[in-house]
C-alpha atoms as a PDB file:
ATOM      1  CA  UNK A   1     -81.491 170.208   6.171  1.00  0.00           C
ATOM      2  CA  UNK A   2     -79.460 169.865   3.000  1.00  0.00           C
ATOM      3  CA  UNK A   3     -81.657 167.164   1.374  1.00  0.00           C
ATOM      4  CA  UNK A   4     -85.237 168.144   1.293  1.00  0.00           C
ATOM      5  CA  UNK A   5     -87.954 166.600  -0.795  1.00  0.00           C
ATOM      6  CA  UNK A   6     -87.791 169.385  -3.246  1.00  0.00           C
ATOM      7  CA  UNK A   7     -84.032 169.017  -3.754  1.00  0.00           C
ATOM      8  CA  UNK A   8     -84.566 165.221  -4.399  1.00  0.00           C
ATOM      9  CA  UNK A   9     -87.325 165.989  -6.942  1.00  0.00           C
ATOM     10  CA  UNK A  10     -84.999 168.488  -8.706  1.00  0.00           C
ATOM     11  CA  UNK A  11     -82.164 165.834  -8.790  1.00  0.00           C
ATOM     12  CA  UNK A  12     -84.489 163.156 -10.123  1.00  0.00           C
ATOM     13  CA  UNK A  13     -85.951 165.441 -12.731  1.00  0.00           C
ATOM     14  CA  UNK A  14     -82.543 166.698 -13.970  1.00  0.00           C
ATOM     15  CA  UNK A  15     -80.763 163.339 -14.127  1.00  0.00           C
ATOM     16  CA  UNK A  16     -83.475 160.663 -14.480  1.00  0.00           C
ATOM     17  CA  UNK A  17     -85.909 162.501 -16.587  1.00  0.00           C
ATOM     18  CA  UNK A  18     -88.884 162.480 -14.271  1.00  0.00           C
ATOM     19  CA  UNK A  19     -89.535 163.267 -10.542  1.00  0.00           C
ATOM     20  CA  UNK A  20     -91.199 159.920 -10.156  1.00  0.00           C
ATOM     21  CA  UNK A  21     -88.466 157.789 -11.628  1.00  0.00           C
ATOM     22  CA  UNK A  22     -86.599 157.268  -8.302  1.00  0.00           C
ATOM     23  CA  UNK A  23     -85.498 153.835  -8.744  1.00  0.00           C
ATOM     24  CA  UNK A  24     -83.457 154.190 -11.942  1.00  0.00           C
ATOM     25  CA  UNK A  25     -79.689 153.805 -11.579  1.00  0.00           C
ATOM     26  CA  UNK A  26     -79.098 157.236 -12.943  1.00  0.00           C
ATOM     27  CA  UNK A  27     -81.436 158.722 -10.209  1.00  0.00           C
ATOM     28  CA  UNK A  28     -79.783 156.734  -7.415  1.00  0.00           C
ATOM     29  CA  UNK A  29     -76.181 157.525  -8.709  1.00  0.00           C
ATOM     30  CA  UNK A  30     -77.077 161.279  -8.886  1.00  0.00           C
ATOM     31  CA  UNK A  31     -78.537 161.228  -5.393  1.00  0.00           C
ATOM     32  CA  UNK A  32     -75.584 159.315  -3.885  1.00  0.00           C
ATOM     33  CA  UNK A  33     -73.235 161.899  -5.652  1.00  0.00           C
ATOM     34  CA  UNK A  34     -75.054 164.757  -4.060  1.00  0.00           C
ATOM     35  CA  UNK A  35     -74.824 163.073  -0.663  1.00  0.00           C
ATOM     36  CA  UNK A  36     -71.157 162.261  -1.128  1.00  0.00           C
ATOM     37  CA  UNK A  37     -70.350 165.941  -2.117  1.00  0.00           C
ATOM     38  CA  UNK A  38     -72.151 167.091   1.042  1.00  0.00           C
ATOM     39  CA  UNK A  39     -70.328 164.673   3.302  1.00  0.00           C
ATOM     40  CA  UNK A  40     -66.955 165.478   1.769  1.00  0.00           C
ATOM     41  CA  UNK A  41     -67.487 169.123   2.606  1.00  0.00           C
ATOM     42  CA  UNK A  42     -68.497 168.190   6.091  1.00  0.00           C
ATOM     43  CA  UNK A  43     -65.406 166.101   6.552  1.00  0.00           C
ATOM     44  CA  UNK A  44     -63.077 168.929   5.286  1.00  0.00           C
ATOM     45  CA  UNK A  45     -64.267 170.902   8.342  1.00  0.00           C
ATOM     46  CA  UNK A  46     -64.594 167.977  10.800  1.00  0.00           C
ATOM     47  CA  UNK A  47     -61.623 165.740  10.253  1.00  0.00           C
ATOM     48  CA  UNK A  48     -62.199 163.518  13.260  1.00  0.00           C
ATOM     49  CA  UNK A  49     -65.876 162.627  12.564  1.00  0.00           C
ATOM     50  CA  UNK A  50     -65.302 158.913  11.879  1.00  0.00           C
ATOM     51  CA  UNK A  51     -69.016 157.973  11.793  1.00  0.00           C
ATOM     52  CA  UNK A  52     -69.430 160.390   8.945  1.00  0.00           C
ATOM     53  CA  UNK A  53     -66.305 158.967   7.317  1.00  0.00           C
ATOM     54  CA  UNK A  54     -67.684 155.481   7.467  1.00  0.00           C
ATOM     55  CA  UNK A  55     -71.011 156.668   5.918  1.00  0.00           C
ATOM     56  CA  UNK A  56     -69.148 158.304   3.190  1.00  0.00           C
ATOM     57  CA  UNK A  57     -67.294 155.145   2.298  1.00  0.00           C
ATOM     58  CA  UNK A  58     -70.520 153.239   2.337  1.00  0.00           C
ATOM     59  CA  UNK A  59     -72.146 155.635  -0.120  1.00  0.00           C
ATOM     60  CA  UNK A  60     -69.064 155.523  -2.336  1.00  0.00           C
ATOM     61  CA  UNK A  61     -69.324 151.755  -2.427  1.00  0.00           C
ATOM     62  CA  UNK A  62     -73.001 151.860  -3.214  1.00  0.00           C
ATOM     63  CA  UNK A  63     -72.448 154.259  -6.057  1.00  0.00           C
ATOM     64  CA  UNK A  64     -69.632 152.112  -7.404  1.00  0.00           C
ATOM     65  CA  UNK A  65     -71.822 148.964  -7.385  1.00  0.00           C
ATOM     66  CA  UNK A  66     -74.546 150.825  -9.269  1.00  0.00           C
ATOM     67  CA  UNK A  67     -72.092 152.220 -11.815  1.00  0.00           C
ATOM     68  CA  UNK A  68     -70.595 148.761 -12.314  1.00  0.00           C
ATOM     69  CA  UNK A  69     -74.109 147.509 -12.971  1.00  0.00           C
ATOM     70  CA  UNK A  70     -74.777 150.102 -15.512  1.00  0.00           C
ATOM     71  CA  UNK A  71     -71.423 149.507 -17.127  1.00  0.00           C
ATOM     72  CA  UNK A  72     -72.122 145.823 -17.423  1.00  0.00           C
ATOM     73  CA  UNK A  73     -75.713 146.144 -18.732  1.00  0.00           C
ATOM     74  CA  UNK A  74     -75.858 149.338 -20.707  1.00  0.00           C
ATOM     75  CA  UNK A  75     -72.525 151.025 -21.653  1.00  0.00           C
ATOM     76  CA  UNK A  76     -74.158 153.996 -23.327  1.00  0.00           C
ATOM     77  CA  UNK A  77     -76.233 155.008 -20.163  1.00  0.00           C
ATOM     78  CA  UNK A  78     -73.122 154.458 -18.043  1.00  0.00           C
ATOM     79  CA  UNK A  79     -71.022 156.861 -20.242  1.00  0.00           C
ATOM     80  CA  UNK A  80     -73.851 159.468 -20.220  1.00  0.00           C
ATOM     81  CA  UNK A  81     -74.244 159.427 -16.339  1.00  0.00           C
ATOM     82  CA  UNK A  82     -70.435 159.688 -15.950  1.00  0.00           C
ATOM     83  CA  UNK A  83     -70.297 162.546 -18.309  1.00  0.00           C
ATOM     84  CA  UNK A  84     -73.223 164.538 -16.860  1.00  0.00           C
ATOM     85  CA  UNK A  85     -72.101 164.136 -13.222  1.00  0.00           C
ATOM     86  CA  UNK A  86     -68.515 164.660 -14.048  1.00  0.00           C
ATOM     87  CA  UNK A  87     -67.253 161.653 -12.074  1.00  0.00           C
ATOM     88  CA  UNK A  88     -64.536 159.171 -13.193  1.00  0.00           C
ATOM     89  CA  UNK A  89     -63.526 155.787 -11.970  1.00  0.00           C
END
């Protein structure tokens, strides 16, 4: 499986500062980004997998909502997470 508990801990530690801070917007956005990257690679091989395509669109929407929340409440954290994950609007 591509998303084991150890991979999640590494993601949370790298982007949110601690393994236990799983609820911060930075942690959630980084986890969504990892999942989006994986699903994008899957869809490049399996173009007719419409269930995965729908799941990918849902994840992108959730990530966008969290990024909008961060942008509205704390612009510096928003800019930092955009820069570290190398994602743009």
